[in-house]
């Protein structure tokens, strides 16, 4: 979604001093996405994580 610019991450709020390309994505959302892709959590649980990021202006859609 990020590569296709469906989700845009606000780098001003999440920028760190490392050069990692994943530095702007919280670890918990990466874990949640992996669990969702492996059918370990429901789509609802995954969407709630995305909604949290959107509502707290960490990503924009």
C-alpha atoms as a PDB file:
ATOM      1  CA  UNK A   1       0.000   0.000   0.000  1.00  0.00           C
ATOM      2  CA  UNK A   2       2.855   2.365   0.732  1.00  0.00           C
ATOM      3  CA  UNK A   3       4.634   1.611  -2.541  1.00  0.00           C
ATOM      4  CA  UNK A   4       1.410   2.247  -4.484  1.00  0.00           C
ATOM      5  CA  UNK A   5       0.845   5.466  -2.502  1.00  0.00           C
ATOM      6  CA  UNK A   6      -2.466   4.264  -1.096  1.00  0.00           C
ATOM      7  CA  UNK A   7      -1.051   4.947   2.363  1.00  0.00           C
ATOM      8  CA  UNK A   8       1.246   7.925   2.823  1.00  0.00           C
ATOM      9  CA  UNK A   9       3.429   8.085   5.924  1.00  0.00           C
ATOM     10  CA  UNK A  10       4.069  11.487   7.456  1.00  0.00           C
ATOM     11  CA  UNK A  11       7.856  11.379   7.710  1.00  0.00           C
ATOM     12  CA  UNK A  12       7.988  14.688   9.581  1.00  0.00           C
ATOM     13  CA  UNK A  13       6.427  13.068  12.642  1.00  0.00           C
ATOM     14  CA  UNK A  14       8.147   9.692  12.446  1.00  0.00           C
ATOM     15  CA  UNK A  15      11.604  10.472  11.090  1.00  0.00           C
ATOM     16  CA  UNK A  16      14.553   8.900  12.911  1.00  0.00           C
ATOM     17  CA  UNK A  17      18.290   9.220  12.471  1.00  0.00           C
ATOM     18  CA  UNK A  18      18.785   5.780  10.925  1.00  0.00           C
ATOM     19  CA  UNK A  19      18.718   5.031   7.204  1.00  0.00           C
ATOM     20  CA  UNK A  20      16.407   2.025   7.386  1.00  0.00           C
ATOM     21  CA  UNK A  21      13.704   2.092   4.724  1.00  0.00           C
ATOM     22  CA  UNK A  22      11.220   0.661   7.254  1.00  0.00           C
ATOM     23  CA  UNK A  23      11.977   3.211   9.966  1.00  0.00           C
ATOM     24  CA  UNK A  24       8.622   4.967   9.624  1.00  0.00           C
ATOM     25  CA  UNK A  25       6.432   1.912  10.117  1.00  0.00           C
ATOM     26  CA  UNK A  26       5.895   0.970  13.769  1.00  0.00           C
ATOM     27  CA  UNK A  27       6.974  -2.578  14.605  1.00  0.00           C
ATOM     28  CA  UNK A  28       3.547  -3.416  15.990  1.00  0.00           C
ATOM     29  CA  UNK A  29       1.827  -2.659  12.665  1.00  0.00           C
ATOM     30  CA  UNK A  30       4.414  -4.765  10.801  1.00  0.00           C
ATOM     31  CA  UNK A  31       3.717  -7.638  13.173  1.00  0.00           C
ATOM     32  CA  UNK A  32      -0.023  -7.135  12.846  1.00  0.00           C
ATOM     33  CA  UNK A  33       0.236  -7.108   9.041  1.00  0.00           C
ATOM     34  CA  UNK A  34       2.236 -10.328   9.113  1.00  0.00           C
ATOM     35  CA  UNK A  35      -0.243 -11.998  11.461  1.00  0.00           C
ATOM     36  CA  UNK A  36      -3.114 -10.873   9.226  1.00  0.00           C
ATOM     37  CA  UNK A  37      -1.379 -12.169   6.088  1.00  0.00           C
ATOM     38  CA  UNK A  38      -0.927 -15.537   7.832  1.00  0.00           C
ATOM     39  CA  UNK A  39      -4.606 -15.616   8.954  1.00  0.00           C
ATOM     40  CA  UNK A  40      -3.582 -15.398  12.606  1.00  0.00           C
ATOM     41  CA  UNK A  41      -5.762 -12.346  13.273  1.00  0.00           C
ATOM     42  CA  UNK A  42      -8.953 -11.121  11.685  1.00  0.00           C
ATOM     43  CA  UNK A  43      -9.245  -8.429   9.069  1.00  0.00           C
ATOM     44  CA  UNK A  44     -11.111  -6.360  11.680  1.00  0.00           C
ATOM     45  CA  UNK A  45      -8.134  -6.444  14.042  1.00  0.00           C
ATOM     46  CA  UNK A  46      -5.783  -5.403  11.250  1.00  0.00           C
ATOM     47  CA  UNK A  47      -8.080  -2.584  10.142  1.00  0.00           C
ATOM     48  CA  UNK A  48      -8.319  -1.295  13.719  1.00  0.00           C
ATOM     49  CA  UNK A  49      -4.528  -0.929  13.732  1.00  0.00           C
ATOM     50  CA  UNK A  50      -4.635   1.018  10.479  1.00  0.00           C
ATOM     51  CA  UNK A  51      -7.467   3.185  11.799  1.00  0.00           C
ATOM     52  CA  UNK A  52      -5.373   3.993  14.858  1.00  0.00           C
ATOM     53  CA  UNK A  53      -2.499   5.168  12.659  1.00  0.00           C
ATOM     54  CA  UNK A  54      -4.852   7.235  10.488  1.00  0.00           C
ATOM     55  CA  UNK A  55      -6.717   8.767  13.457  1.00  0.00           C
ATOM     56  CA  UNK A  56      -3.428   9.708  15.115  1.00  0.00           C
ATOM     57  CA  UNK A  57      -2.134  11.223  11.867  1.00  0.00           C
ATOM     58  CA  UNK A  58       0.768   8.781  11.550  1.00  0.00           C
ATOM     59  CA  UNK A  59      -0.369   7.830   8.033  1.00  0.00           C
ATOM     60  CA  UNK A  60      -2.813   9.404   5.607  1.00  0.00           C
ATOM     61  CA  UNK A  61      -4.955   7.732   3.006  1.00  0.00           C
END
